[in-house]
N, C-alpha and C. Protein backbone atom coordinates (compact mmCIF):
# COMPACT_ATOMS: atom_id res chain seq x y z
N MET A 1 0.85 -1.17 0.00
CA MET A 1 0.00 0.00 0.00
C MET A 1 0.90 1.25 -0.01
N PRO A 2 0.69 2.17 -0.97
CA PRO A 2 1.57 3.35 -1.01
C PRO A 2 1.27 4.30 0.15
N THR A 3 2.32 4.91 0.62
CA THR A 3 2.16 5.88 1.68
C THR A 3 1.66 7.17 1.13
N ARG A 4 1.33 8.06 1.99
CA ARG A 4 0.78 9.35 1.55
C ARG A 4 1.80 10.16 0.76
N GLU A 5 3.09 10.01 1.12
CA GLU A 5 4.16 10.74 0.42
C GLU A 5 4.23 10.28 -1.03
N HIS A 6 4.08 8.99 -1.28
CA HIS A 6 4.18 8.51 -2.66
C HIS A 6 2.99 8.95 -3.46
N VAL A 7 1.84 9.08 -2.89
CA VAL A 7 0.66 9.48 -3.64
C VAL A 7 0.78 10.96 -4.03
N SER A 8 1.29 11.78 -3.12
CA SER A 8 1.42 13.20 -3.43
C SER A 8 2.53 13.48 -4.46
N GLU A 9 3.50 12.57 -4.60
CA GLU A 9 4.55 12.77 -5.58
C GLU A 9 4.08 12.51 -7.02
N ARG A 10 3.04 11.71 -7.20
CA ARG A 10 2.56 11.37 -8.53
C ARG A 10 1.83 12.51 -9.21
N ARG A 11 1.07 13.25 -8.45
CA ARG A 11 0.29 14.33 -9.07
C ARG A 11 0.99 15.67 -8.84
N PRO A 12 1.00 16.53 -9.85
CA PRO A 12 1.69 17.83 -9.68
C PRO A 12 0.93 18.70 -8.69
N GLU A 13 1.70 19.51 -7.99
CA GLU A 13 1.13 20.39 -7.00
C GLU A 13 0.37 21.53 -7.71
N TRP A 14 -0.73 22.00 -7.09
CA TRP A 14 -1.57 23.01 -7.73
C TRP A 14 -0.83 24.30 -7.93
N ARG A 15 0.09 24.63 -7.04
CA ARG A 15 0.85 25.88 -7.18
C ARG A 15 1.77 25.82 -8.41
N ALA A 16 2.36 24.67 -8.64
CA ALA A 16 3.24 24.51 -9.78
C ALA A 16 2.48 24.61 -11.09
N ARG A 17 1.26 24.12 -11.10
CA ARG A 17 0.43 24.20 -12.32
C ARG A 17 -0.06 25.59 -12.55
N LEU A 18 -0.28 26.37 -11.47
CA LEU A 18 -0.83 27.72 -11.61
C LEU A 18 0.19 28.73 -12.11
N VAL A 19 1.47 28.58 -11.69
CA VAL A 19 2.50 29.50 -12.07
C VAL A 19 2.74 29.41 -13.57
N GLY A 20 2.69 30.54 -14.24
CA GLY A 20 2.93 30.56 -15.70
C GLY A 20 1.73 30.26 -16.55
N SER A 21 0.64 29.84 -15.96
CA SER A 21 -0.57 29.59 -16.72
C SER A 21 -1.34 30.90 -16.96
N PRO A 22 -2.21 30.93 -17.95
CA PRO A 22 -3.00 32.16 -18.16
C PRO A 22 -3.86 32.54 -16.93
N LEU A 23 -4.37 31.54 -16.23
CA LEU A 23 -5.15 31.83 -15.03
C LEU A 23 -4.25 32.44 -13.94
N GLY A 24 -3.05 31.96 -13.82
CA GLY A 24 -2.10 32.50 -12.84
C GLY A 24 -1.76 33.95 -13.15
N TRP A 25 -1.52 34.27 -14.42
CA TRP A 25 -1.26 35.64 -14.81
C TRP A 25 -2.48 36.54 -14.53
N ALA A 26 -3.63 36.05 -14.85
CA ALA A 26 -4.85 36.86 -14.63
C ALA A 26 -5.09 37.14 -13.14
N LEU A 27 -4.86 36.12 -12.31
CA LEU A 27 -5.01 36.32 -10.86
C LEU A 27 -3.98 37.30 -10.33
N THR A 28 -2.75 37.18 -10.82
CA THR A 28 -1.69 38.09 -10.39
C THR A 28 -1.99 39.55 -10.76
N LEU A 29 -2.44 39.76 -12.00
CA LEU A 29 -2.77 41.11 -12.45
C LEU A 29 -3.99 41.66 -11.70
N ALA A 30 -4.98 40.82 -11.43
CA ALA A 30 -6.17 41.27 -10.68
C ALA A 30 -5.80 41.66 -9.26
N LEU A 31 -4.96 40.86 -8.58
CA LEU A 31 -4.53 41.19 -7.24
C LEU A 31 -3.66 42.46 -7.21
N ALA A 32 -2.83 42.65 -8.23
CA ALA A 32 -2.01 43.83 -8.29
C ALA A 32 -2.87 45.08 -8.52
N ALA A 33 -3.87 44.98 -9.39
CA ALA A 33 -4.80 46.08 -9.65
C ALA A 33 -5.59 46.42 -8.37
N LEU A 34 -6.01 45.41 -7.66
CA LEU A 34 -6.76 45.62 -6.43
C LEU A 34 -5.85 46.31 -5.37
N GLY A 35 -4.61 45.91 -5.30
CA GLY A 35 -3.68 46.50 -4.37
C GLY A 35 -3.44 47.98 -4.70
N VAL A 36 -3.27 48.28 -5.99
CA VAL A 36 -3.05 49.68 -6.37
C VAL A 36 -4.29 50.53 -6.05
N TYR A 37 -5.47 49.95 -6.35
CA TYR A 37 -6.71 50.69 -6.06
C TYR A 37 -6.86 50.97 -4.54
N LEU A 38 -6.58 49.94 -3.75
CA LEU A 38 -6.70 50.14 -2.29
C LEU A 38 -5.71 51.16 -1.75
N LEU A 39 -4.48 51.14 -2.27
CA LEU A 39 -3.48 52.11 -1.82
C LEU A 39 -3.83 53.51 -2.31
N ALA A 40 -4.38 53.63 -3.50
CA ALA A 40 -4.67 54.96 -4.05
C ALA A 40 -5.89 55.60 -3.37
N THR A 41 -6.88 54.81 -3.04
CA THR A 41 -8.13 55.39 -2.54
C THR A 41 -8.30 55.28 -1.05
N HIS A 42 -7.67 54.31 -0.42
CA HIS A 42 -7.85 54.06 1.00
C HIS A 42 -6.51 53.92 1.72
N THR A 43 -5.59 54.82 1.44
CA THR A 43 -4.24 54.75 1.98
C THR A 43 -4.25 54.72 3.51
N GLY A 44 -5.03 55.59 4.13
CA GLY A 44 -5.09 55.62 5.58
C GLY A 44 -5.58 54.35 6.21
N HIS A 45 -6.60 53.75 5.60
CA HIS A 45 -7.12 52.50 6.11
C HIS A 45 -6.11 51.37 5.97
N VAL A 46 -5.46 51.33 4.84
CA VAL A 46 -4.48 50.26 4.57
C VAL A 46 -3.30 50.37 5.55
N LEU A 47 -2.80 51.61 5.74
CA LEU A 47 -1.67 51.79 6.64
C LEU A 47 -2.03 51.51 8.08
N SER A 48 -3.26 51.82 8.50
CA SER A 48 -3.64 51.54 9.88
C SER A 48 -3.87 50.05 10.10
N ALA A 49 -4.19 49.29 9.05
CA ALA A 49 -4.39 47.85 9.20
C ALA A 49 -3.12 47.07 8.99
N LEU A 50 -2.05 47.70 8.56
CA LEU A 50 -0.83 47.01 8.24
C LEU A 50 -0.24 46.18 9.40
N PRO A 51 -0.16 46.70 10.62
CA PRO A 51 0.38 45.86 11.73
C PRO A 51 -0.44 44.60 11.93
N TYR A 52 -1.75 44.69 11.82
CA TYR A 52 -2.59 43.49 11.99
C TYR A 52 -2.42 42.51 10.85
N LEU A 53 -2.23 43.03 9.64
CA LEU A 53 -2.03 42.16 8.50
C LEU A 53 -0.70 41.43 8.62
N LEU A 54 0.33 42.10 9.14
CA LEU A 54 1.61 41.43 9.36
C LEU A 54 1.49 40.33 10.42
N LEU A 55 0.74 40.60 11.46
CA LEU A 55 0.53 39.56 12.48
C LEU A 55 -0.26 38.37 11.92
N LEU A 56 -1.22 38.64 11.07
CA LEU A 56 -2.00 37.57 10.42
C LEU A 56 -1.16 36.81 9.44
N LEU A 57 -0.16 37.42 8.86
CA LEU A 57 0.66 36.75 7.87
C LEU A 57 1.49 35.62 8.48
N CYS A 58 1.90 35.75 9.72
CA CYS A 58 2.72 34.70 10.39
C CYS A 58 2.02 33.34 10.41
N PRO A 59 0.83 33.23 10.99
CA PRO A 59 0.20 31.90 11.00
C PRO A 59 -0.20 31.41 9.61
N LEU A 60 -0.52 32.34 8.71
CA LEU A 60 -0.86 31.92 7.35
C LEU A 60 0.37 31.32 6.63
N MET A 61 1.54 31.93 6.87
CA MET A 61 2.75 31.40 6.26
C MET A 61 3.07 30.00 6.79
N HIS A 62 2.85 29.80 8.06
CA HIS A 62 3.14 28.49 8.65
C HIS A 62 2.10 27.47 8.15
N PHE A 63 0.87 27.88 7.99
CA PHE A 63 -0.17 26.94 7.55
C PHE A 63 0.01 26.55 6.08
N PHE A 64 0.25 27.52 5.23
CA PHE A 64 0.34 27.26 3.79
C PHE A 64 1.79 27.01 3.30
N GLY A 65 2.77 27.53 4.00
CA GLY A 65 4.14 27.48 3.52
C GLY A 65 4.86 26.20 3.78
N HIS A 66 4.46 25.40 4.76
CA HIS A 66 5.21 24.19 5.10
C HIS A 66 4.63 22.92 4.47
N GLY A 67 3.77 23.07 3.49
CA GLY A 67 3.13 21.90 2.89
C GLY A 67 4.09 21.03 2.11
N GLY A 68 5.06 21.59 1.44
CA GLY A 68 5.90 20.80 0.55
C GLY A 68 7.30 20.56 1.05
N HIS A 69 7.56 20.76 2.33
CA HIS A 69 8.93 20.64 2.83
C HIS A 69 9.18 19.30 3.53
N ASN A 70 8.23 18.41 3.55
CA ASN A 70 8.35 17.12 4.23
C ASN A 70 8.76 17.26 5.70
N HIS A 71 8.15 18.18 6.40
CA HIS A 71 8.37 18.31 7.83
C HIS A 71 7.64 17.20 8.54
N GLY A 72 8.29 16.51 9.37
CA GLY A 72 7.64 15.43 10.11
C GLY A 72 8.64 14.69 10.99
N GLY A 73 9.92 14.84 10.71
CA GLY A 73 10.92 14.24 11.57
C GLY A 73 10.97 12.71 11.53
N ARG A 74 10.66 12.12 10.41
CA ARG A 74 10.69 10.66 10.31
C ARG A 74 12.14 10.19 10.24
N GLU A 75 12.43 9.10 10.93
CA GLU A 75 13.79 8.59 10.98
C GLU A 75 14.23 8.05 9.64
N ARG A 76 13.34 7.40 8.88
CA ARG A 76 13.75 6.80 7.63
C ARG A 76 14.10 7.87 6.58
N ASP A 77 13.54 9.08 6.73
CA ASP A 77 13.86 10.16 5.80
C ASP A 77 15.24 10.72 6.05
N ARG A 78 15.74 10.63 7.27
CA ARG A 78 17.03 11.17 7.64
C ARG A 78 18.18 10.28 7.24
N GLN A 79 17.94 8.99 6.98
CA GLN A 79 19.01 8.06 6.67
C GLN A 79 19.45 8.14 5.24
């Protein structure tokens, strides 16, 4: 029976498929346009929320950022 690691290696990761695709470019441009709009029209609100957004970024990075690093401390991976 294949382990979970072997199953995830067979299918490409969604982030890898999104980068460079037309959908990825469209999402990037839409987020950039939204960011410019927010900074241009609501600068005070964005700057006052910035400390809270930075604090929120920490748990989000840990939740989404460690998915592909094989963190788990298995002994057979270290050998």
